[in-house]
């Protein structure tokens, strides 16, 4: 949570795009006896990935290697299957957001509830992520413009103020360790 050019509350979770890709790979191996690579998993995630039930199901075909025969095999993957696969990692993210909001001062939470949550990063572009967070938190969520690179661009822009910054990632990490 950022306020007045300072970090009020922060948290980090190792659940991201690669976690969703790995979930697709494991699912296809268990359910269809097919091994696919990370690129095919990412394509499926981008094409039909969702963390909220879609009104209309979409599907795609993906190619991999059959575990039994070792030969190429094509399988149909639906958005409903992906939704089931992604429930757990998406819930981990929602739980972390909820935890951060619980640690945030009541005044800031009130401001956030009025202004909303801005989602950044590639993972937030999964279909329905904004709806999922809005349902769980009751706070409106919007996707940042250029969500993939806005964090990197913001960090680059902040370098011009680095001499005037009072906090940095090292100090934030130290402060978190001191609380524990």
N, C-alpha and C. Protein backbone atom coordinates (compact mmCIF):
# COMPACT_ATOMS: atom_id res chain seq x y z
N UNK A 1 0.86 -1.16 0.00
CA UNK A 1 0.00 0.00 0.00
C UNK A 1 0.90 1.22 0.00
N UNK A 2 0.75 2.05 -1.02
CA UNK A 2 1.57 3.24 -1.16
C UNK A 2 0.71 4.45 -0.86
N UNK A 3 1.24 5.34 -0.02
CA UNK A 3 0.54 6.58 0.30
C UNK A 3 1.55 7.69 0.55
N UNK A 4 1.28 8.85 0.05
CA UNK A 4 2.12 10.02 0.25
C UNK A 4 3.59 9.72 -0.02
N UNK A 5 3.88 9.12 -1.16
CA UNK A 5 5.24 8.77 -1.58
C UNK A 5 5.97 7.86 -0.61
N UNK A 6 5.23 7.03 0.11
CA UNK A 6 5.84 6.11 1.06
C UNK A 6 5.08 4.78 1.02
N UNK A 7 5.75 3.73 1.43
CA UNK A 7 5.12 2.42 1.50
C UNK A 7 4.56 2.25 2.91
N UNK A 8 3.25 2.13 3.01
CA UNK A 8 2.60 1.97 4.31
C UNK A 8 2.67 0.51 4.76
N UNK A 9 2.29 -0.38 3.89
CA UNK A 9 2.29 -1.83 4.18
C UNK A 9 2.77 -2.53 2.91
N UNK A 10 3.59 -3.55 3.08
CA UNK A 10 4.01 -4.31 1.91
C UNK A 10 4.05 -5.80 2.24
N UNK A 11 3.94 -6.58 1.21
CA UNK A 11 4.02 -8.02 1.35
C UNK A 11 4.43 -8.61 0.01
N UNK A 12 5.01 -9.77 0.04
CA UNK A 12 5.44 -10.43 -1.18
C UNK A 12 5.01 -11.89 -1.13
N UNK A 13 4.62 -12.39 -2.27
CA UNK A 13 4.14 -13.76 -2.37
C UNK A 13 4.75 -14.38 -3.62
N UNK A 14 5.25 -15.59 -3.52
CA UNK A 14 5.88 -16.23 -4.67
C UNK A 14 4.86 -17.02 -5.48
N UNK A 15 3.78 -16.36 -5.84
CA UNK A 15 2.77 -16.95 -6.71
C UNK A 15 2.61 -15.98 -7.86
N UNK A 16 2.97 -16.44 -9.05
CA UNK A 16 2.93 -15.56 -10.22
C UNK A 16 2.64 -16.38 -11.46
N UNK A 17 2.95 -15.81 -12.60
CA UNK A 17 2.65 -16.45 -13.88
C UNK A 17 3.21 -17.86 -14.00
N UNK A 18 4.42 -18.07 -13.50
CA UNK A 18 5.04 -19.39 -13.59
C UNK A 18 4.26 -20.42 -12.76
N UNK A 19 3.68 -19.99 -11.66
CA UNK A 19 2.87 -20.88 -10.82
C UNK A 19 1.66 -21.37 -11.60
N UNK A 20 1.01 -20.46 -12.32
CA UNK A 20 -0.15 -20.82 -13.13
C UNK A 20 0.26 -21.75 -14.28
N UNK A 21 1.41 -21.47 -14.91
CA UNK A 21 1.91 -22.33 -15.99
C UNK A 21 2.18 -23.74 -15.47
N UNK A 22 2.83 -23.84 -14.32
CA UNK A 22 3.14 -25.14 -13.73
C UNK A 22 1.87 -25.92 -13.39
N UNK A 23 0.84 -25.20 -12.96
CA UNK A 23 -0.43 -25.86 -12.63
C UNK A 23 -1.04 -26.49 -13.88
N UNK A 24 -0.95 -25.81 -15.01
CA UNK A 24 -1.47 -26.36 -16.27
C UNK A 24 -0.67 -27.60 -16.67
N UNK A 25 0.65 -27.53 -16.56
CA UNK A 25 1.52 -28.66 -16.92
C UNK A 25 1.18 -29.88 -16.06
N UNK A 26 1.06 -29.68 -14.74
CA UNK A 26 0.73 -30.80 -13.83
C UNK A 26 -0.63 -31.39 -14.15
N UNK A 27 -1.61 -30.52 -14.41
CA UNK A 27 -2.97 -30.99 -14.70
C UNK A 27 -2.99 -31.86 -15.96
N UNK A 28 -2.37 -31.40 -17.03
CA UNK A 28 -2.38 -32.17 -18.29
C UNK A 28 -1.64 -33.49 -18.13
N UNK A 29 -0.62 -33.50 -17.32
CA UNK A 29 0.12 -34.74 -17.08
C UNK A 29 -0.75 -35.74 -16.32
N UNK A 30 -1.43 -35.27 -15.27
CA UNK A 30 -2.28 -36.15 -14.47
C UNK A 30 -3.55 -36.57 -15.20
N UNK A 31 -4.22 -35.63 -15.77
CA UNK A 31 -5.56 -35.87 -16.34
C UNK A 31 -5.54 -36.49 -17.73
N UNK A 32 -4.61 -36.03 -18.57
CA UNK A 32 -4.60 -36.47 -19.97
C UNK A 32 -3.36 -37.28 -20.34
N UNK A 33 -2.46 -37.51 -19.40
CA UNK A 33 -1.21 -38.24 -19.67
C UNK A 33 -0.41 -37.60 -20.81
N UNK A 34 -0.37 -36.28 -20.79
CA UNK A 34 0.34 -35.53 -21.83
C UNK A 34 1.32 -34.57 -21.14
N UNK A 35 2.52 -34.53 -21.70
CA UNK A 35 3.52 -33.58 -21.21
C UNK A 35 3.59 -32.43 -22.20
N UNK A 36 3.45 -31.20 -21.67
CA UNK A 36 3.63 -30.02 -22.50
C UNK A 36 4.74 -29.17 -21.89
N UNK A 37 5.29 -28.30 -22.70
CA UNK A 37 6.36 -27.43 -22.23
C UNK A 37 5.81 -26.13 -21.65
N UNK A 38 6.69 -25.34 -21.05
CA UNK A 38 6.27 -24.08 -20.44
C UNK A 38 5.69 -23.09 -21.44
N UNK A 39 6.17 -23.11 -22.68
CA UNK A 39 5.64 -22.18 -23.68
C UNK A 39 4.20 -22.51 -24.03
N UNK A 40 3.90 -23.80 -24.17
CA UNK A 40 2.52 -24.23 -24.47
C UNK A 40 1.61 -23.91 -23.29
N UNK A 41 2.12 -24.09 -22.07
CA UNK A 41 1.32 -23.78 -20.88
C UNK A 41 1.03 -22.28 -20.81
N UNK A 42 2.03 -21.48 -21.11
CA UNK A 42 1.82 -20.02 -21.08
C UNK A 42 0.83 -19.59 -22.16
N UNK A 43 0.92 -20.21 -23.31
CA UNK A 43 -0.04 -19.90 -24.38
C UNK A 43 -1.47 -20.22 -23.94
N UNK A 44 -1.65 -21.36 -23.29
CA UNK A 44 -2.97 -21.74 -22.79
C UNK A 44 -3.44 -20.75 -21.72
N UNK A 45 -2.54 -20.36 -20.84
CA UNK A 45 -2.87 -19.40 -19.78
C UNK A 45 -3.34 -18.08 -20.39
N UNK A 46 -2.62 -17.59 -21.37
CA UNK A 46 -2.96 -16.31 -21.99
C UNK A 46 -4.23 -16.41 -22.81
N UNK A 47 -4.40 -17.51 -23.54
CA UNK A 47 -5.53 -17.65 -24.45
C UNK A 47 -6.85 -17.92 -23.73
N UNK A 48 -6.88 -18.87 -22.80
CA UNK A 48 -8.15 -19.24 -22.16
C UNK A 48 -8.10 -19.20 -20.64
N UNK A 49 -6.97 -18.74 -20.08
CA UNK A 49 -6.83 -18.70 -18.63
C UNK A 49 -7.85 -17.78 -17.98
N UNK A 50 -8.39 -18.22 -16.84
CA UNK A 50 -9.34 -17.40 -16.10
C UNK A 50 -9.32 -17.81 -14.63
N UNK A 51 -9.62 -16.84 -13.77
CA UNK A 51 -9.69 -17.09 -12.33
C UNK A 51 -11.09 -16.79 -11.81
N UNK A 52 -12.00 -16.55 -12.73
CA UNK A 52 -13.39 -16.24 -12.41
C UNK A 52 -14.22 -16.93 -13.48
N UNK A 53 -15.35 -17.49 -13.09
CA UNK A 53 -16.15 -18.22 -14.07
C UNK A 53 -16.58 -17.32 -15.22
N UNK A 54 -16.36 -17.81 -16.42
CA UNK A 54 -16.75 -17.07 -17.62
C UNK A 54 -18.21 -17.34 -17.92
N UNK A 55 -18.86 -16.40 -18.54
CA UNK A 55 -20.24 -16.61 -18.96
C UNK A 55 -20.31 -17.63 -20.09
N UNK A 56 -19.32 -17.59 -20.95
CA UNK A 56 -19.29 -18.49 -22.10
C UNK A 56 -17.95 -19.23 -22.09
N UNK A 57 -18.03 -20.54 -22.16
CA UNK A 57 -16.80 -21.34 -22.13
C UNK A 57 -16.04 -21.21 -23.45
N UNK A 58 -14.73 -21.11 -23.34
CA UNK A 58 -13.85 -21.11 -24.51
C UNK A 58 -12.88 -22.27 -24.34
N UNK A 59 -12.36 -22.73 -25.46
CA UNK A 59 -11.42 -23.85 -25.39
C UNK A 59 -10.35 -23.69 -26.45
N UNK A 60 -9.32 -24.48 -26.32
CA UNK A 60 -8.24 -24.49 -27.30
C UNK A 60 -7.60 -25.88 -27.32
N UNK A 61 -6.93 -26.15 -28.39
CA UNK A 61 -6.21 -27.40 -28.51
C UNK A 61 -4.73 -27.11 -28.28
N UNK A 62 -4.10 -28.01 -27.54
CA UNK A 62 -2.67 -27.87 -27.31
C UNK A 62 -1.99 -29.20 -27.59
N UNK A 63 -0.75 -29.12 -28.02
CA UNK A 63 -0.01 -30.33 -28.40
C UNK A 63 1.08 -30.60 -27.38
N UNK A 64 1.28 -31.89 -27.15
CA UNK A 64 2.32 -32.33 -26.23
C UNK A 64 2.75 -33.73 -26.60
N UNK A 65 3.41 -34.38 -25.65
CA UNK A 65 3.89 -35.75 -25.87
C UNK A 65 3.12 -36.69 -24.96
N UNK A 66 2.59 -37.76 -25.54
CA UNK A 66 1.86 -38.77 -24.78
C UNK A 66 2.84 -39.50 -23.87
N UNK A 67 2.48 -39.62 -22.59
CA UNK A 67 3.36 -40.27 -21.62
C UNK A 67 3.54 -41.77 -21.89
N UNK A 68 2.51 -42.40 -22.42
CA UNK A 68 2.57 -43.85 -22.64
C UNK A 68 3.34 -44.21 -23.91
N UNK A 69 3.03 -43.52 -25.00
CA UNK A 69 3.61 -43.89 -26.29
C UNK A 69 4.83 -43.06 -26.66
N UNK A 70 4.96 -41.88 -26.09
CA UNK A 70 6.06 -41.00 -26.46
C UNK A 70 5.82 -40.24 -27.75
N UNK A 71 4.63 -40.45 -28.32
CA UNK A 71 4.29 -39.80 -29.60
C UNK A 71 3.54 -38.49 -29.35
N UNK A 72 3.54 -37.61 -30.35
CA UNK A 72 2.78 -36.36 -30.20
C UNK A 72 1.30 -36.64 -29.97
N UNK A 73 0.68 -35.80 -29.16
CA UNK A 73 -0.74 -35.95 -28.87
C UNK A 73 -1.33 -34.56 -28.69
N UNK A 74 -2.54 -34.40 -29.19
CA UNK A 74 -3.24 -33.12 -29.07
C UNK A 74 -4.43 -33.31 -28.14
N UNK A 75 -4.61 -32.36 -27.22
CA UNK A 75 -5.74 -32.43 -26.29
C UNK A 75 -6.50 -31.11 -26.30
N UNK A 76 -7.78 -31.21 -25.99
CA UNK A 76 -8.64 -30.03 -25.87
C UNK A 76 -8.63 -29.58 -24.42
N UNK A 77 -8.44 -28.30 -24.21
CA UNK A 77 -8.39 -27.72 -22.88
C UNK A 77 -9.44 -26.61 -22.82
N UNK A 78 -10.32 -26.66 -21.82
CA UNK A 78 -11.41 -25.67 -21.74
C UNK A 78 -11.14 -24.65 -20.64
N UNK A 79 -11.82 -23.52 -20.74
CA UNK A 79 -11.67 -22.48 -19.72
C UNK A 79 -12.22 -22.96 -18.37
N UNK A 80 -13.18 -23.86 -18.38
CA UNK A 80 -13.70 -24.41 -17.13
C UNK A 80 -12.63 -25.22 -16.42
N UNK A 81 -11.87 -26.01 -17.18
CA UNK A 81 -10.77 -26.77 -16.59
C UNK A 81 -9.71 -25.83 -16.03
N UNK A 82 -9.38 -24.81 -16.81
CA UNK A 82 -8.37 -23.84 -16.37
C UNK A 82 -8.83 -23.14 -15.10
N UNK A 83 -10.09 -22.78 -15.05
CA UNK A 83 -10.64 -22.13 -13.86
C UNK A 83 -10.43 -23.01 -12.63
N UNK A 84 -10.71 -24.29 -12.75
CA UNK A 84 -10.51 -25.22 -11.63
C UNK A 84 -9.04 -25.33 -11.25
N UNK A 85 -8.17 -25.34 -12.26
CA UNK A 85 -6.72 -25.44 -12.04
C UNK A 85 -6.21 -24.20 -11.31
N UNK A 86 -6.73 -23.03 -11.68
CA UNK A 86 -6.22 -21.76 -11.17
C UNK A 86 -6.86 -21.33 -9.85
N UNK A 87 -7.87 -22.03 -9.38
CA UNK A 87 -8.55 -21.62 -8.14
C UNK A 87 -7.59 -21.46 -6.96
N UNK A 88 -6.75 -22.46 -6.76
CA UNK A 88 -5.88 -22.45 -5.58
C UNK A 88 -4.85 -21.33 -5.62
N UNK A 89 -4.04 -21.19 -6.71
CA UNK A 89 -3.07 -20.09 -6.69
C UNK A 89 -3.74 -18.71 -6.66
N UNK A 90 -4.88 -18.58 -7.32
CA UNK A 90 -5.59 -17.30 -7.29
C UNK A 90 -6.07 -16.99 -5.88
N UNK A 91 -6.53 -18.01 -5.18
CA UNK A 91 -6.99 -17.82 -3.80
C UNK A 91 -5.83 -17.42 -2.89
N UNK A 92 -4.63 -17.94 -3.15
CA UNK A 92 -3.46 -17.54 -2.36
C UNK A 92 -3.21 -16.04 -2.52
N UNK A 93 -3.34 -15.55 -3.74
CA UNK A 93 -3.14 -14.12 -3.99
C UNK A 93 -4.23 -13.31 -3.29
N UNK A 94 -5.47 -13.75 -3.41
CA UNK A 94 -6.58 -13.05 -2.76
C UNK A 94 -6.37 -13.01 -1.24
N UNK A 95 -5.94 -14.13 -0.66
CA UNK A 95 -5.70 -14.18 0.78
C UNK A 95 -4.60 -13.20 1.19
N UNK A 96 -3.57 -13.08 0.36
CA UNK A 96 -2.48 -12.15 0.66
C UNK A 96 -2.95 -10.70 0.58
N UNK A 97 -3.76 -10.38 -0.42
CA UNK A 97 -4.32 -9.03 -0.55
C UNK A 97 -5.18 -8.72 0.67
N UNK A 98 -6.00 -9.68 1.06
CA UNK A 98 -6.86 -9.51 2.25
C UNK A 98 -6.01 -9.28 3.50
N UNK A 99 -4.93 -10.04 3.63
CA UNK A 99 -4.04 -9.90 4.78
C UNK A 99 -3.42 -8.50 4.82
N UNK A 100 -2.99 -8.00 3.67
CA UNK A 100 -2.41 -6.66 3.61
C UNK A 100 -3.45 -5.62 3.99
N UNK A 101 -4.67 -5.78 3.50
CA UNK A 101 -5.73 -4.83 3.86
C UNK A 101 -6.03 -4.86 5.35
N UNK A 102 -5.96 -6.04 5.97
CA UNK A 102 -6.19 -6.16 7.41
C UNK A 102 -5.12 -5.44 8.22
N UNK A 103 -3.90 -5.39 7.69
CA UNK A 103 -2.79 -4.74 8.39
C UNK A 103 -2.75 -3.23 8.13
N UNK A 104 -3.51 -2.77 7.16
CA UNK A 104 -3.51 -1.37 6.77
C UNK A 104 -4.37 -0.56 7.73
N UNK A 105 -3.96 0.68 7.99
CA UNK A 105 -4.71 1.53 8.91
C UNK A 105 -6.13 1.75 8.40
N UNK A 106 -7.09 1.92 9.30
CA UNK A 106 -8.48 2.11 8.89
C UNK A 106 -8.68 3.31 7.95
N UNK A 107 -7.91 4.38 8.15
CA UNK A 107 -8.03 5.56 7.29
C UNK A 107 -7.63 5.23 5.86
N UNK A 108 -6.52 4.50 5.72
CA UNK A 108 -6.06 4.13 4.38
C UNK A 108 -7.03 3.15 3.71
N UNK A 109 -7.55 2.21 4.48
CA UNK A 109 -8.51 1.25 3.92
C UNK A 109 -9.76 1.99 3.43
N UNK A 110 -10.16 3.01 4.17
CA UNK A 110 -11.31 3.82 3.75
C UNK A 110 -11.02 4.51 2.42
N UNK A 111 -9.80 5.06 2.28
CA UNK A 111 -9.41 5.69 1.02
C UNK A 111 -9.36 4.67 -0.11
N UNK A 112 -8.80 3.50 0.18
CA UNK A 112 -8.70 2.45 -0.84
C UNK A 112 -10.09 2.01 -1.28
N UNK A 113 -11.01 1.90 -0.34
CA UNK A 113 -12.36 1.46 -0.69
C UNK A 113 -13.07 2.47 -1.60
N UNK A 114 -12.69 3.75 -1.49
CA UNK A 114 -13.28 4.78 -2.35
C UNK A 114 -12.56 4.81 -3.70
N UNK A 115 -11.23 4.80 -3.67
CA UNK A 115 -10.44 4.96 -4.89
C UNK A 115 -10.21 3.65 -5.64
N UNK A 116 -10.30 2.53 -4.94
CA UNK A 116 -10.12 1.23 -5.57
C UNK A 116 -8.69 0.74 -5.53
N UNK A 117 -8.53 -0.50 -5.99
CA UNK A 117 -7.23 -1.17 -6.06
C UNK A 117 -6.81 -1.19 -7.53
N UNK A 118 -5.55 -0.85 -7.79
CA UNK A 118 -5.03 -0.90 -9.15
C UNK A 118 -4.16 -2.15 -9.26
N UNK A 119 -4.48 -3.01 -10.21
CA UNK A 119 -3.77 -4.27 -10.40
C UNK A 119 -2.66 -4.08 -11.43
N UNK A 120 -1.46 -4.57 -11.09
CA UNK A 120 -0.32 -4.47 -11.99
C UNK A 120 0.32 -5.83 -12.17
N UNK A 121 1.12 -5.96 -13.20
CA UNK A 121 1.83 -7.20 -13.47
C UNK A 121 1.09 -8.08 -14.46
N UNK A 122 1.79 -9.04 -15.00
CA UNK A 122 1.21 -9.91 -16.01
C UNK A 122 0.09 -10.79 -15.49
N UNK A 123 0.24 -11.30 -14.26
CA UNK A 123 -0.76 -12.21 -13.70
C UNK A 123 -2.13 -11.59 -13.54
N UNK A 124 -2.19 -10.31 -13.31
CA UNK A 124 -3.49 -9.66 -13.10
C UNK A 124 -4.29 -9.59 -14.39
N UNK A 125 -3.66 -9.91 -15.51
CA UNK A 125 -4.37 -9.88 -16.79
C UNK A 125 -5.15 -11.15 -17.06
N UNK A 126 -5.04 -12.13 -16.16
CA UNK A 126 -5.87 -13.32 -16.29
C UNK A 126 -7.33 -12.91 -16.25
N UNK A 127 -8.13 -13.53 -17.08
CA UNK A 127 -9.54 -13.14 -17.20
C UNK A 127 -10.22 -13.25 -15.84
N UNK A 128 -10.85 -12.17 -15.42
CA UNK A 128 -11.64 -12.16 -14.21
C UNK A 128 -10.90 -11.85 -12.92
N UNK A 129 -9.61 -11.54 -12.99
CA UNK A 129 -8.87 -11.28 -11.76
C UNK A 129 -9.43 -10.07 -11.03
N UNK A 130 -9.77 -9.04 -11.77
CA UNK A 130 -10.36 -7.85 -11.13
C UNK A 130 -11.69 -8.18 -10.47
N UNK A 131 -12.51 -9.01 -11.13
CA UNK A 131 -13.81 -9.40 -10.57
C UNK A 131 -13.63 -10.25 -9.31
N UNK A 132 -12.66 -11.16 -9.35
CA UNK A 132 -12.39 -12.02 -8.20
C UNK A 132 -12.01 -11.20 -6.98
N UNK A 133 -11.07 -10.27 -7.15
CA UNK A 133 -10.65 -9.44 -6.03
C UNK A 133 -11.77 -8.52 -5.55
N UNK A 134 -12.55 -8.00 -6.47
CA UNK A 134 -13.68 -7.16 -6.08
C UNK A 134 -14.69 -7.95 -5.26
N UNK A 135 -14.98 -9.19 -5.69
CA UNK A 135 -15.91 -10.04 -4.94
C UNK A 135 -15.41 -10.32 -3.52
N UNK A 136 -14.12 -10.63 -3.37
CA UNK A 136 -13.59 -11.02 -2.08
C UNK A 136 -13.35 -9.83 -1.15
N UNK A 137 -12.97 -8.68 -1.72
CA UNK A 137 -12.65 -7.54 -0.86
C UNK A 137 -13.78 -6.53 -0.76
N UNK A 138 -14.67 -6.52 -1.75
CA UNK A 138 -15.71 -5.50 -1.79
C UNK A 138 -15.20 -4.16 -2.28
N UNK A 139 -13.96 -4.13 -2.75
CA UNK A 139 -13.33 -2.91 -3.23
C UNK A 139 -13.20 -2.99 -4.75
N UNK A 140 -13.59 -1.94 -5.48
CA UNK A 140 -13.46 -1.98 -6.93
C UNK A 140 -12.00 -2.09 -7.35
N UNK A 141 -11.74 -2.91 -8.36
CA UNK A 141 -10.38 -3.13 -8.85
C UNK A 141 -10.33 -2.79 -10.33
N UNK A 142 -9.24 -2.15 -10.72
CA UNK A 142 -9.03 -1.84 -12.13
C UNK A 142 -7.65 -2.31 -12.55
N UNK A 143 -7.52 -2.60 -13.80
CA UNK A 143 -6.26 -3.05 -14.37
C UNK A 143 -5.46 -1.83 -14.82
N UNK A 144 -4.21 -1.74 -14.43
CA UNK A 144 -3.36 -0.60 -14.80
C UNK A 144 -3.13 -0.60 -16.31
N UNK A 145 -2.96 0.58 -16.86
CA UNK A 145 -2.57 0.68 -18.27
C UNK A 145 -1.19 0.05 -18.40
N UNK A 146 -1.00 -0.75 -19.43
CA UNK A 146 0.27 -1.43 -19.67
C UNK A 146 0.73 -2.18 -18.42
N UNK A 147 -0.17 -3.02 -17.91
CA UNK A 147 0.06 -3.74 -16.64
C UNK A 147 1.35 -4.55 -16.63
N UNK A 148 1.75 -5.07 -17.79
CA UNK A 148 2.98 -5.88 -17.85
C UNK A 148 4.22 -5.10 -17.45
N UNK A 149 4.32 -3.87 -17.91
CA UNK A 149 5.57 -3.14 -17.71
C UNK A 149 5.44 -1.89 -16.84
N UNK A 150 4.26 -1.60 -16.31
CA UNK A 150 4.11 -0.36 -15.54
C UNK A 150 4.95 -0.34 -14.28
N UNK A 151 5.16 -1.48 -13.64
CA UNK A 151 5.99 -1.52 -12.43
C UNK A 151 7.44 -1.18 -12.78
N UNK A 152 7.94 -1.79 -13.84
CA UNK A 152 9.31 -1.50 -14.30
C UNK A 152 9.47 -0.05 -14.70
N UNK A 153 8.48 0.48 -15.41
CA UNK A 153 8.53 1.88 -15.83
C UNK A 153 8.51 2.81 -14.61
N UNK A 154 7.68 2.48 -13.62
CA UNK A 154 7.62 3.29 -12.40
C UNK A 154 8.94 3.26 -11.64
N UNK A 155 9.56 2.09 -11.57
CA UNK A 155 10.86 1.99 -10.89
C UNK A 155 11.90 2.84 -11.62
N UNK A 156 11.87 2.79 -12.94
CA UNK A 156 12.79 3.60 -13.74
C UNK A 156 12.59 5.08 -13.49
N UNK A 157 11.34 5.51 -13.44
CA UNK A 157 11.04 6.93 -13.19
C UNK A 157 11.46 7.34 -11.79
N UNK A 158 11.35 6.42 -10.81
CA UNK A 158 11.69 6.76 -9.43
C UNK A 158 13.19 6.98 -9.24
N UNK A 159 14.00 6.51 -10.17
CA UNK A 159 15.45 6.70 -10.03
C UNK A 159 15.84 8.17 -9.98
N UNK A 160 15.04 9.04 -10.61
CA UNK A 160 15.37 10.46 -10.57
C UNK A 160 15.20 11.06 -9.16
N UNK A 161 14.46 10.36 -8.28
CA UNK A 161 14.25 10.84 -6.91
C UNK A 161 15.05 10.04 -5.89
N UNK A 162 15.91 9.16 -6.33
CA UNK A 162 16.57 8.23 -5.41
C UNK A 162 17.39 8.95 -4.33
N UNK A 163 17.95 10.08 -4.66
CA UNK A 163 18.73 10.83 -3.67
C UNK A 163 17.87 11.42 -2.57
N UNK A 164 16.59 11.65 -2.82
CA UNK A 164 15.70 12.26 -1.84
C UNK A 164 14.84 11.22 -1.10
N UNK A 165 14.94 9.96 -1.50
CA UNK A 165 14.11 8.92 -0.87
C UNK A 165 14.63 8.61 0.53
N UNK A 166 13.69 8.45 1.45
CA UNK A 166 14.06 8.10 2.81
C UNK A 166 13.97 6.60 3.04
N UNK A 167 13.16 5.91 2.25
CA UNK A 167 12.99 4.47 2.39
C UNK A 167 13.42 3.79 1.11
N UNK A 168 13.86 2.60 1.23
CA UNK A 168 14.21 1.78 0.08
C UNK A 168 13.89 0.35 0.38
N UNK A 169 14.14 -0.53 -0.56
CA UNK A 169 13.78 -1.93 -0.36
C UNK A 169 14.57 -2.55 0.78
N UNK A 170 15.81 -2.12 0.98
CA UNK A 170 16.61 -2.68 2.07
C UNK A 170 16.00 -2.28 3.41
N UNK A 171 15.64 -1.01 3.56
CA UNK A 171 15.03 -0.55 4.80
C UNK A 171 13.69 -1.22 5.05
N UNK A 172 12.90 -1.43 3.99
CA UNK A 172 11.61 -2.11 4.15
C UNK A 172 11.81 -3.53 4.64
N UNK A 173 12.81 -4.21 4.08
CA UNK A 173 13.09 -5.59 4.50
C UNK A 173 13.55 -5.62 5.95
N UNK A 174 14.40 -4.67 6.33
CA UNK A 174 14.87 -4.62 7.72
C UNK A 174 13.72 -4.35 8.68
N UNK A 175 12.84 -3.41 8.31
CA UNK A 175 11.71 -3.08 9.16
C UNK A 175 10.80 -4.30 9.34
N UNK A 176 10.61 -5.06 8.27
CA UNK A 176 9.76 -6.26 8.35
C UNK A 176 10.40 -7.29 9.28
N UNK A 177 11.72 -7.47 9.19
CA UNK A 177 12.41 -8.43 10.06
C UNK A 177 12.34 -8.01 11.52
N UNK A 178 12.40 -6.71 11.78
CA UNK A 178 12.34 -6.22 13.16
C UNK A 178 10.97 -6.46 13.78
N UNK A 179 9.92 -6.47 12.98
CA UNK A 179 8.57 -6.71 13.49
C UNK A 179 8.39 -8.16 13.91
N UNK A 180 9.12 -9.07 13.26
CA UNK A 180 8.94 -10.51 13.52
C UNK A 180 9.59 -10.96 14.78
